[in-house]
C-alpha atoms as a PDB file:
ATOM      1  CA  MET A   1     -22.403   1.066  44.623  1.00  0.00           C
ATOM      2  CA  THR A   2     -22.646   0.200  48.306  1.00  0.00           C
ATOM      3  CA  VAL A   3     -19.995  -1.794  50.185  1.00  0.00           C
ATOM      4  CA  ALA A   4     -21.350  -3.699  53.194  1.00  0.00           C
ATOM      5  CA  LYS A   5     -19.263  -5.656  55.681  1.00  0.00           C
ATOM      6  CA  SER A   6     -22.071  -6.752  58.000  1.00  0.00           C
ATOM      7  CA  ILE A   7     -24.778  -9.347  57.399  1.00  0.00           C
ATOM      8  CA  LYS A   8     -27.347  -7.042  58.996  1.00  0.00           C
ATOM      9  CA  LYS A   9     -26.640  -4.260  56.500  1.00  0.00           C
ATOM     10  CA  VAL A  10     -26.798  -6.615  53.507  1.00  0.00           C
ATOM     11  CA  ARG A  11     -30.123  -8.032  54.644  1.00  0.00           C
ATOM     12  CA  LYS A  12     -31.571  -4.570  55.173  1.00  0.00           C
ATOM     13  CA  ILE A  13     -30.582  -3.478  51.660  1.00  0.00           C
ATOM     14  CA  ILE A  14     -31.849  -6.696  50.068  1.00  0.00           C
ATOM     15  CA  GLN A  15     -35.180  -6.440  51.883  1.00  0.00           C
ATOM     16  CA  GLN A  16     -35.572  -2.865  50.634  1.00  0.00           C
ATOM     17  CA  GLN A  17     -34.979  -3.998  47.057  1.00  0.00           C
ATOM     18  CA  LYS A  18     -37.355  -6.946  47.341  1.00  0.00           C
ATOM     19  CA  ARG A  19     -40.094  -4.675  48.685  1.00  0.00           C
ATOM     20  CA  LYS A  20     -39.671  -2.644  45.483  1.00  0.00           C
ATOM     21  CA  GLY A  21     -40.195  -5.826  43.472  1.00  0.00           C
ATOM     22  CA  LYS A  22     -36.577  -5.968  42.318  1.00  0.00           C
ATOM     23  CA  THR A  23     -34.950  -9.265  41.327  1.00  0.00           C
ATOM     24  CA  ILE A  24     -31.562 -10.094  42.861  1.00  0.00           C
ATOM     25  CA  GLY A  25     -28.619 -11.418  40.837  1.00  0.00           C
ATOM     26  CA  PHE A  26     -25.637 -12.739  42.787  1.00  0.00           C
ATOM     27  CA  VAL A  27     -21.999 -13.441  41.889  1.00  0.00           C
ATOM     28  CA  PRO A  28     -19.967 -14.978  44.748  1.00  0.00           C
ATOM     29  CA  THR A  29     -16.195 -14.475  44.389  1.00  0.00           C
ATOM     30  CA  MET A  30     -12.951 -14.646  46.332  1.00  0.00           C
ATOM     31  CA  GLY A  31     -11.745 -11.391  44.810  1.00  0.00           C
ATOM     32  CA  ALA A  32      -8.669 -10.894  42.597  1.00  0.00           C
ATOM     33  CA  LEU A  33     -11.249 -10.158  39.920  1.00  0.00           C
ATOM     34  CA  HIS A  34     -10.588 -10.755  36.232  1.00  0.00           C
ATOM     35  CA  ASN A  35     -12.622 -10.647  33.037  1.00  0.00           C
ATOM     36  CA  GLY A  36     -14.222 -13.997  33.802  1.00  0.00           C
ATOM     37  CA  HIS A  37     -15.827 -12.467  36.885  1.00  0.00           C
ATOM     38  CA  LEU A  38     -16.854  -9.409  34.879  1.00  0.00           C
ATOM     39  CA  CYS A  39     -18.695 -11.587  32.373  1.00  0.00           C
ATOM     40  CA  LEU A  40     -20.659 -13.137  35.237  1.00  0.00           C
ATOM     41  CA  ILE A  41     -21.483  -9.688  36.585  1.00  0.00           C
ATOM     42  CA  LYS A  42     -22.576  -8.521  33.139  1.00  0.00           C
ATOM     43  CA  ALA A  43     -24.878 -11.527  32.831  1.00  0.00           C
ATOM     44  CA  ALA A  44     -26.294 -10.815  36.280  1.00  0.00           C
ATOM     45  CA  ARG A  45     -26.877  -7.188  35.338  1.00  0.00           C
ATOM     46  CA  ASN A  46     -28.697  -8.260  32.165  1.00  0.00           C
ATOM     47  CA  GLN A  47     -30.905 -10.779  33.957  1.00  0.00           C
ATOM     48  CA  ALA A  48     -31.596  -9.115  37.323  1.00  0.00           C
ATOM     49  CA  ASP A  49     -32.508  -5.672  38.622  1.00  0.00           C
ATOM     50  CA  PHE A  50     -30.048  -5.541  41.513  1.00  0.00           C
ATOM     51  CA  VAL A  51     -26.579  -7.140  41.352  1.00  0.00           C
ATOM     52  CA  VAL A  52     -24.725  -8.319  44.450  1.00  0.00           C
ATOM     53  CA  VAL A  53     -21.091  -9.457  44.414  1.00  0.00           C
ATOM     54  CA  SER A  54     -19.454 -11.028  47.447  1.00  0.00           C
ATOM     55  CA  ILE A  55     -15.705 -11.006  48.073  1.00  0.00           C
ATOM     56  CA  PHE A  56     -14.589 -13.499  50.679  1.00  0.00           C
ATOM     57  CA  VAL A  57     -11.522 -15.743  50.667  1.00  0.00           C
ATOM     58  CA  ASN A  58     -13.143 -18.724  52.341  1.00  0.00           C
ATOM     59  CA  PRO A  59     -10.740 -20.509  54.715  1.00  0.00           C
ATOM     60  CA  LEU A  60     -12.942 -23.608  54.927  1.00  0.00           C
ATOM     61  CA  GLN A  61     -12.188 -24.629  51.347  1.00  0.00           C
ATOM     62  CA  PHE A  62      -8.409 -24.610  51.796  1.00  0.00           C
ATOM     63  CA  ALA A  63      -6.502 -27.545  53.279  1.00  0.00           C
ATOM     64  CA  PRO A  64      -3.611 -26.704  55.657  1.00  0.00           C
ATOM     65  CA  ASP A  65      -1.030 -27.270  52.891  1.00  0.00           C
ATOM     66  CA  GLU A  66      -2.830 -25.091  50.326  1.00  0.00           C
ATOM     67  CA  ASP A  67      -2.461 -21.442  49.353  1.00  0.00           C
ATOM     68  CA  LEU A  68      -4.849 -19.612  51.714  1.00  0.00           C
ATOM     69  CA  ARG A  69      -2.244 -17.159  53.012  1.00  0.00           C
ATOM     70  CA  ARG A  70      -0.849 -16.237  49.625  1.00  0.00           C
ATOM     71  CA  TYR A  71      -4.161 -16.153  47.765  1.00  0.00           C
ATOM     72  CA  PRO A  72      -4.210 -12.769  45.965  1.00  0.00           C
ATOM     73  CA  ARG A  73      -6.097 -10.017  47.790  1.00  0.00           C
ATOM     74  CA  ASN A  74      -6.491  -6.436  46.575  1.00  0.00           C
ATOM     75  CA  PHE A  75      -9.833  -5.044  47.660  1.00  0.00           C
ATOM     76  CA  LYS A  76      -9.185  -1.472  46.492  1.00  0.00           C
ATOM     77  CA  LYS A  77      -8.524  -2.701  42.968  1.00  0.00           C
ATOM     78  CA  ASP A  78     -11.531  -5.030  43.098  1.00  0.00           C
ATOM     79  CA  GLU A  79     -13.751  -2.228  44.403  1.00  0.00           C
ATOM     80  CA  SER A  80     -12.753   0.004  41.502  1.00  0.00           C
ATOM     81  CA  THR A  81     -13.407  -2.827  39.059  1.00  0.00           C
ATOM     82  CA  LEU A  82     -16.858  -3.469  40.520  1.00  0.00           C
ATOM     83  CA  LYS A  83     -17.815   0.201  40.345  1.00  0.00           C
ATOM     84  CA  LYS A  84     -16.973   0.252  36.640  1.00  0.00           C
ATOM     85  CA  ALA A  85     -19.003  -2.929  36.200  1.00  0.00           C
ATOM     86  CA  LYS A  86     -22.050  -1.159  37.708  1.00  0.00           C
ATOM     87  CA  THR A  87     -22.388  -3.537  40.646  1.00  0.00           C
ATOM     88  CA  SER A  88     -25.182  -2.557  43.026  1.00  0.00           C
ATOM     89  CA  LEU A  89     -23.882  -4.025  46.296  1.00  0.00           C
ATOM     90  CA  VAL A  90     -20.590  -5.560  47.412  1.00  0.00           C
ATOM     91  CA  PHE A  91     -20.631  -7.863  50.437  1.00  0.00           C
ATOM     92  CA  TYR A  92     -17.135  -7.863  51.925  1.00  0.00           C
ATOM     93  CA  PRO A  93     -17.207  -9.702  55.259  1.00  0.00           C
ATOM     94  CA  ASP A  94     -14.275 -10.818  57.407  1.00  0.00           C
ATOM     95  CA  ASP A  95     -13.691 -14.310  58.773  1.00  0.00           C
ATOM     96  CA  LYS A  96     -15.305 -13.559  62.144  1.00  0.00           C
ATOM     97  CA  THR A  97     -18.483 -12.380  60.450  1.00  0.00           C
ATOM     98  CA  MET A  98     -18.872 -15.565  58.429  1.00  0.00           C
ATOM     99  CA  TYR A  99     -17.501 -17.990  61.013  1.00  0.00           C
ATOM    100  CA  PRO A 100     -18.124 -16.651  64.504  1.00  0.00           C
ATOM    101  CA  LYS A 101     -16.625 -18.235  67.592  1.00  0.00           C
ATOM    102  CA  ARG A 102     -17.684 -21.871  68.140  1.00  0.00           C
ATOM    103  CA  PHE A 103     -19.043 -22.184  64.590  1.00  0.00           C
ATOM    104  CA  SER A 104     -19.791 -25.890  64.112  1.00  0.00           C
ATOM    105  CA  THR A 105     -22.415 -26.374  61.376  1.00  0.00           C
ATOM    106  CA  TYR A 106     -21.404 -27.463  57.871  1.00  0.00           C
ATOM    107  CA  VAL A 107     -23.058 -28.414  54.587  1.00  0.00           C
ATOM    108  CA  GLU A 108     -21.708 -31.353  52.594  1.00  0.00           C
ATOM    109  CA  GLU A 109     -22.723 -32.895  49.282  1.00  0.00           C
ATOM    110  CA  THR A 110     -21.587 -36.503  49.490  1.00  0.00           C
ATOM    111  CA  ARG A 111     -21.515 -37.905  45.939  1.00  0.00           C
ATOM    112  CA  LEU A 112     -20.253 -35.437  43.329  1.00  0.00           C
ATOM    113  CA  SER A 113     -17.811 -33.951  45.834  1.00  0.00           C
ATOM    114  CA  ARG A 114     -15.917 -37.252  46.196  1.00  0.00           C
ATOM    115  CA  LEU A 115     -14.886 -37.289  42.529  1.00  0.00           C
ATOM    116  CA  LEU A 116     -12.325 -35.367  40.428  1.00  0.00           C
ATOM    117  CA  CYS A 117     -10.979 -32.449  42.528  1.00  0.00           C
ATOM    118  CA  GLY A 118     -12.556 -33.987  45.619  1.00  0.00           C
ATOM    119  CA  GLN A 119     -10.046 -36.831  45.566  1.00  0.00           C
ATOM    120  CA  SER A 120      -7.007 -34.593  45.979  1.00  0.00           C
ATOM    121  CA  ARG A 121      -8.826 -31.798  47.879  1.00  0.00           C
ATOM    122  CA  PRO A 122     -11.094 -33.729  50.289  1.00  0.00           C
ATOM    123  CA  VAL A 123     -12.100 -30.720  52.423  1.00  0.00           C
ATOM    124  CA  HIS A 124     -12.622 -28.325  49.532  1.00  0.00           C
ATOM    125  CA  PHE A 125     -16.228 -28.870  48.492  1.00  0.00           C
ATOM    126  CA  LYS A 126     -17.520 -29.113  52.055  1.00  0.00           C
ATOM    127  CA  GLY A 127     -16.103 -25.619  52.529  1.00  0.00           C
ATOM    128  CA  VAL A 128     -17.592 -24.442  49.235  1.00  0.00           C
ATOM    129  CA  ALA A 129     -21.060 -25.818  49.984  1.00  0.00           C
ATOM    130  CA  THR A 130     -21.044 -24.338  53.480  1.00  0.00           C
ATOM    131  CA  ILE A 131     -20.037 -20.821  52.413  1.00  0.00           C
ATOM    132  CA  VAL A 132     -22.342 -20.727  49.386  1.00  0.00           C
ATOM    133  CA  ASN A 133     -25.249 -21.922  51.532  1.00  0.00           C
ATOM    134  CA  LYS A 134     -24.509 -19.129  54.017  1.00  0.00           C
ATOM    135  CA  LEU A 135     -24.207 -16.527  51.255  1.00  0.00           C
ATOM    136  CA  PHE A 136     -27.491 -17.638  49.694  1.00  0.00           C
ATOM    137  CA  ASN A 137     -29.195 -17.310  53.093  1.00  0.00           C
ATOM    138  CA  ILE A 138     -27.766 -13.802  53.534  1.00  0.00           C
ATOM    139  CA  VAL A 139     -28.248 -12.417  50.012  1.00  0.00           C
ATOM    140  CA  GLU A 140     -31.416 -14.379  49.087  1.00  0.00           C
ATOM    141  CA  PRO A 141     -30.733 -14.154  45.344  1.00  0.00           C
ATOM    142  CA  ASP A 142     -33.203 -15.063  42.647  1.00  0.00           C
ATOM    143  CA  THR A 143     -30.333 -16.161  40.390  1.00  0.00           C
ATOM    144  CA  ALA A 144     -26.680 -16.930  41.111  1.00  0.00           C
ATOM    145  CA  PHE A 145     -24.001 -16.975  38.429  1.00  0.00           C
ATOM    146  CA  PHE A 146     -20.997 -19.297  38.192  1.00  0.00           C
ATOM    147  CA  GLY A 147     -18.336 -19.994  35.560  1.00  0.00           C
ATOM    148  CA  GLN A 148     -17.857 -23.312  33.758  1.00  0.00           C
ATOM    149  CA  LYS A 149     -14.156 -23.313  34.675  1.00  0.00           C
ATOM    150  CA  ASP A 150     -15.285 -24.497  38.106  1.00  0.00           C
ATOM    151  CA  TYR A 151     -17.686 -26.992  36.535  1.00  0.00           C
ATOM    152  CA  GLN A 152     -17.643 -29.513  39.373  1.00  0.00           C
ATOM    153  CA  GLN A 153     -18.214 -26.759  41.927  1.00  0.00           C
ATOM    154  CA  ALA A 154     -21.186 -25.417  39.965  1.00  0.00           C
ATOM    155  CA  LYS A 155     -22.700 -28.905  39.673  1.00  0.00           C
ATOM    156  CA  ILE A 156     -22.305 -29.469  43.428  1.00  0.00           C
ATOM    157  CA  ILE A 157     -23.962 -26.141  44.195  1.00  0.00           C
ATOM    158  CA  GLY A 158     -26.779 -27.001  41.806  1.00  0.00           C
ATOM    159  CA  LYS A 159     -27.229 -30.351  43.562  1.00  0.00           C
ATOM    160  CA  MET A 160     -27.280 -28.618  46.955  1.00  0.00           C
ATOM    161  CA  VAL A 161     -29.918 -26.162  45.739  1.00  0.00           C
ATOM    162  CA  HIS A 162     -32.039 -29.007  44.349  1.00  0.00           C
ATOM    163  CA  ASP A 163     -31.695 -31.323  47.336  1.00  0.00           C
ATOM    164  CA  LEU A 164     -32.325 -28.604  49.948  1.00  0.00           C
ATOM    165  CA  ASN A 165     -35.176 -26.951  48.019  1.00  0.00           C
ATOM    166  CA  MET A 166     -33.438 -23.590  47.867  1.00  0.00           C
ATOM    167  CA  PRO A 167     -35.339 -20.934  45.862  1.00  0.00           C
ATOM    168  CA  VAL A 168     -32.460 -19.825  43.645  1.00  0.00           C
ATOM    169  CA  LYS A 169     -31.674 -20.487  39.981  1.00  0.00           C
ATOM    170  CA  ILE A 170     -28.110 -21.468  39.097  1.00  0.00           C
ATOM    171  CA  LYS A 171     -26.645 -20.166  35.839  1.00  0.00           C
ATOM    172  CA  ILE A 172     -23.362 -21.616  34.505  1.00  0.00           C
ATOM    173  CA  LEU A 173     -21.601 -19.406  31.971  1.00  0.00           C
ATOM    174  CA  PRO A 174     -18.858 -20.426  29.491  1.00  0.00           C
ATOM    175  CA  ILE A 175     -15.156 -20.333  30.357  1.00  0.00           C
ATOM    176  CA  ILE A 176     -13.505 -16.995  29.589  1.00  0.00           C
ATOM    177  CA  ARG A 177      -9.998 -17.362  28.181  1.00  0.00           C
ATOM    178  CA  GLU A 178      -6.981 -15.196  27.560  1.00  0.00           C
ATOM    179  CA  THR A 179      -6.212 -14.509  23.895  1.00  0.00           C
ATOM    180  CA  ASP A 180      -3.811 -17.479  23.852  1.00  0.00           C
ATOM    181  CA  GLY A 181      -6.406 -19.843  25.323  1.00  0.00           C
ATOM    182  CA  LEU A 182      -5.421 -20.007  28.993  1.00  0.00           C
ATOM    183  CA  ALA A 183      -8.546 -20.133  31.168  1.00  0.00           C
ATOM    184  CA  MET A 184      -8.778 -16.978  33.264  1.00  0.00           C
ATOM    185  CA  SER A 185      -8.079 -17.642  36.932  1.00  0.00           C
ATOM    186  CA  SER A 186      -6.942 -15.617  39.931  1.00  0.00           C
ATOM    187  CA  ARG A 187      -4.214 -18.232  40.439  1.00  0.00           C
ATOM    188  CA  ASN A 188      -2.636 -17.341  37.088  1.00  0.00           C
ATOM    189  CA  LEU A 189      -1.000 -14.490  39.012  1.00  0.00           C
ATOM    190  CA  TYR A 190       1.243 -17.075  40.691  1.00  0.00           C
ATOM    191  CA  LEU A 191       2.870 -18.123  37.402  1.00  0.00           C
ATOM    192  CA  ASN A 192       6.275 -16.835  36.365  1.00  0.00           C
ATOM    193  CA  PRO A 193       6.807 -16.138  32.623  1.00  0.00           C
ATOM    194  CA  ALA A 194       8.088 -19.637  31.849  1.00  0.00           C
ATOM    195  CA  GLU A 195       5.284 -21.290  33.799  1.00  0.00           C
ATOM    196  CA  ARG A 196       2.728 -19.002  32.180  1.00  0.00           C
ATOM    197  CA  LYS A 197       3.883 -20.290  28.790  1.00  0.00           C
ATOM    198  CA  ASP A 198       3.800 -23.919  29.922  1.00  0.00           C
ATOM    199  CA  ALA A 199       0.290 -23.455  31.371  1.00  0.00           C
ATOM    200  CA  LEU A 200      -1.036 -23.363  27.807  1.00  0.00           C
ATOM    201  CA  ILE A 201      -0.635 -27.141  27.806  1.00  0.00           C
ATOM    202  CA  LEU A 202      -4.071 -27.406  29.434  1.00  0.00           C
ATOM    203  CA  TYR A 203      -5.819 -25.628  26.574  1.00  0.00           C
ATOM    204  CA  GLN A 204      -3.695 -27.517  24.052  1.00  0.00           C
ATOM    205  CA  SER A 205      -4.855 -30.753  25.706  1.00  0.00           C
ATOM    206  CA  ILE A 206      -8.478 -29.724  25.276  1.00  0.00           C
ATOM    207  CA  LYS A 207      -7.908 -28.952  21.601  1.00  0.00           C
ATOM    208  CA  LEU A 208      -6.191 -32.320  21.161  1.00  0.00           C
ATOM    209  CA  ALA A 209      -9.106 -34.147  22.787  1.00  0.00           C
ATOM    210  CA  LYS A 210     -11.653 -32.350  20.621  1.00  0.00           C
ATOM    211  CA  GLU A 211      -9.663 -33.154  17.491  1.00  0.00           C
ATOM    212  CA  LEU A 212      -9.444 -36.828  18.443  1.00  0.00           C
ATOM    213  CA  VAL A 213     -13.190 -37.025  19.052  1.00  0.00           C
ATOM    214  CA  LYS A 214     -13.873 -35.164  15.810  1.00  0.00           C
ATOM    215  CA  ASN A 215     -11.832 -37.842  14.021  1.00  0.00           C
ATOM    216  CA  GLY A 216     -13.930 -40.626  15.520  1.00  0.00           C
ATOM    217  CA  LYS A 217     -11.785 -41.539  18.534  1.00  0.00           C
ATOM    218  CA  THR A 218     -14.250 -42.150  21.373  1.00  0.00           C
ATOM    219  CA  ASN A 219     -12.267 -44.533  23.597  1.00  0.00           C
ATOM    220  CA  THR A 220     -11.580 -42.451  26.695  1.00  0.00           C
ATOM    221  CA  GLU A 221      -8.406 -44.311  27.709  1.00  0.00           C
ATOM    222  CA  LEU A 222      -6.865 -43.537  24.331  1.00  0.00           C
ATOM    223  CA  ILE A 223      -7.775 -39.853  24.623  1.00  0.00           C
ATOM    224  CA  LYS A 224      -6.448 -39.597  28.185  1.00  0.00           C
ATOM    225  CA  SER A 225      -3.240 -41.354  27.199  1.00  0.00           C
ATOM    226  CA  ARG A 226      -2.622 -38.881  24.389  1.00  0.00           C
ATOM    227  CA  ILE A 227      -3.270 -35.976  26.752  1.00  0.00           C
ATOM    228  CA  ARG A 228      -0.908 -37.420  29.388  1.00  0.00           C
ATOM    229  CA  GLY A 229       1.841 -37.627  26.802  1.00  0.00           C
ATOM    230  CA  LEU A 230       1.292 -34.019  25.798  1.00  0.00           C
ATOM    231  CA  VAL A 231       1.210 -32.664  29.364  1.00  0.00           C
ATOM    232  CA  ASN A 232       4.256 -34.679  30.414  1.00  0.00           C
ATOM    233  CA  SER A 233       6.247 -33.018  27.630  1.00  0.00           C
ATOM    234  CA  LYS A 234       6.462 -29.927  29.876  1.00  0.00           C
ATOM    235  CA  ASN A 235       9.043 -30.136  32.650  1.00  0.00           C
ATOM    236  CA  THR A 236       7.089 -27.789  34.923  1.00  0.00           C
ATOM    237  CA  ALA A 237       3.853 -29.801  34.592  1.00  0.00           C
ATOM    238  CA  LYS A 238       2.660 -32.465  37.021  1.00  0.00           C
ATOM    239  CA  ILE A 239      -0.714 -34.137  36.471  1.00  0.00           C
ATOM    240  CA  ASP A 240      -3.213 -34.280  39.326  1.00  0.00           C
ATOM    241  CA  TYR A 241      -5.890 -35.867  37.169  1.00  0.00           C
ATOM    242  CA  ILE A 242      -7.151 -36.232  33.615  1.00  0.00           C
ATOM    243  CA  GLN A 243     -10.697 -37.576  33.575  1.00  0.00           C
ATOM    244  CA  ILE A 244     -13.481 -38.055  31.051  1.00  0.00           C
ATOM    245  CA  THR A 245     -16.835 -38.445  32.750  1.00  0.00           C
ATOM    246  CA  ASP A 246     -20.579 -38.234  32.446  1.00  0.00           C
ATOM    247  CA  THR A 247     -21.574 -34.550  32.331  1.00  0.00           C
ATOM    248  CA  GLU A 248     -24.093 -34.927  35.169  1.00  0.00           C
ATOM    249  CA  THR A 249     -22.906 -37.738  37.461  1.00  0.00           C
ATOM    250  CA  LEU A 250     -19.181 -36.996  36.901  1.00  0.00           C
ATOM    251  CA  GLU A 251     -18.557 -40.751  36.884  1.00  0.00           C
ATOM    252  CA  SER A 252     -15.856 -42.081  34.560  1.00  0.00           C
ATOM    253  CA  LEU A 253     -16.747 -43.208  31.043  1.00  0.00           C
ATOM    254  CA  ASN A 254     -15.038 -45.850  28.928  1.00  0.00           C
ATOM    255  CA  LYS A 255     -16.482 -44.495  25.691  1.00  0.00           C
ATOM    256  CA  ILE A 256     -18.012 -41.210  24.562  1.00  0.00           C
ATOM    257  CA  GLU A 257     -21.441 -42.127  23.219  1.00  0.00           C
ATOM    258  CA  ASP A 258     -22.852 -38.595  22.844  1.00  0.00           C
ATOM    259  CA  LYS A 259     -21.191 -36.039  25.082  1.00  0.00           C
ATOM    260  CA  ALA A 260     -18.758 -36.175  27.977  1.00  0.00           C
ATOM    261  CA  PHE A 261     -16.988 -33.917  30.445  1.00  0.00           C
ATOM    262  CA  LEU A 262     -13.206 -33.622  30.112  1.00  0.00           C
ATOM    263  CA  GLY A 263     -11.660 -32.382  33.345  1.00  0.00           C
ATOM    264  CA  LEU A 264      -8.003 -31.499  33.832  1.00  0.00           C
ATOM    265  CA  ALA A 265      -6.092 -30.588  36.984  1.00  0.00           C
ATOM    266  CA  VAL A 266      -2.397 -29.939  36.457  1.00  0.00           C
ATOM    267  CA  TYR A 267       0.293 -28.411  38.612  1.00  0.00           C
ATOM    268  CA  ILE A 268       2.429 -25.926  36.727  1.00  0.00           C
ATOM    269  CA  GLY A 269       5.328 -25.489  39.091  1.00  0.00           C
ATOM    270  CA  LYS A 270       3.601 -25.114  42.475  1.00  0.00           C
ATOM    271  CA  THR A 271       0.380 -23.714  41.022  1.00  0.00           C
ATOM    272  CA  ARG A 272      -2.581 -26.031  40.570  1.00  0.00           C
ATOM    273  CA  LEU A 273      -4.664 -25.113  37.517  1.00  0.00           C
ATOM    274  CA  ILE A 274      -7.902 -26.622  36.284  1.00  0.00           C
ATOM    275  CA  ASP A 275      -9.610 -26.523  32.912  1.00  0.00           C
ATOM    276  CA  ASN A 276     -12.353 -28.453  31.176  1.00  0.00           C
ATOM    277  CA  ALA A 277     -14.503 -28.875  28.116  1.00  0.00           C
ATOM    278  CA  ILE A 278     -17.552 -30.771  26.933  1.00  0.00           C
ATOM    279  CA  LEU A 279     -16.608 -33.339  24.297  1.00  0.00           C
ATOM    280  CA  ARG A 280     -19.318 -34.194  21.763  1.00  0.00           C
ATOM    281  CA  SER A 281     -19.042 -37.253  19.561  1.00  0.00           C
ATOM    282  CA  LYS A 282     -21.807 -36.194  17.161  1.00  0.00           C
ATOM    283  CA  ASP A 283     -21.147 -32.465  16.805  1.00  0.00           C
ATOM    284  CA  ASN A 284     -17.769 -31.391  18.135  1.00  0.00           C
ATOM    285  CA  SER A 285     -18.270 -27.766  17.087  1.00  0.00           C
ATOM    286  CA  LYS A 286     -20.693 -27.050  19.946  1.00  0.00           C
END
C-alpha cells in the first residue's frame, strides 16, 4: 500500500495503472474508519483492479458552528486498517493541497441539496460536491463507492456526475449497522454510554415505519407523527427532521404509493445523527 500526500504523486501512480489497463475503484472518506468503510473498500476491491481511498476532513462542508475541530482523526489507526483491507493507494492531502491560497471555484447542485439535510446545513452539500469533484479529477476512478447512510449525499454526487458528464460510475451500498441496529458512523464516537443507548431510537423509528407500512398505513403524516412521538420519548433526543420523500427527487410525499425514502436527522445530546430506509408499500421485506 502506498500513501501519497501530493496530487502529483497520485496522478503519476494512477496513470501508471491505467497504462497497464487496470480499472480504478475509489472510496472517498474523512477517516475515523469503521466497518461501513471497510465494506465499501471490499466492494471496490471486488469490482476494480486498483483501489484508492482518500482521507480528508473537508472544511468546506462544515459550517462555523459545526464539529470540524473535534471531528475524529487518527491516521495511524486508519493506515493500519487500510493495509489490512488490502487498499492499493491512500490519498492523504492537507488543507493547503486541496484548497491553495486564493481558492475561489466551487461546485453546487441546486435542487436536491436544498432539501432534507440541506435545510439545516446550507453550506454542506456545496462543500461535498466541490471536494468530490476535485477528488474525481485527481483520482480519475472508473467507479466510486458510497454508503446508503449518506443517501442524499450519494444522490447529489450522482446528479453532479450525470449533469457534468463525468466518466465515473456511482455505486451505493447498503447501510452497515452495529449488532443492535445503530447505523455505523464516525460521529458515534461522540456519544457517551447513555446517549449511545438513546441513539437506537433512530433504528427503532425505522422499524416502526416499516411495520406501519406493512400493516397498510401509507399516509406519510401519520407515519411521521408516530415516529415523532417515539423519538420525543428520549430526553436526549431533539429532532432536526423526519421526512418521507420520493426516492429520486427527495420531494415530500403525502402517501406511499409504491416506495419512498424515509430520512431521519436527530440530535442525541450534541451529536447529530442521520439514518434512513426505503419504505415499500407492496413488499416491505425488500
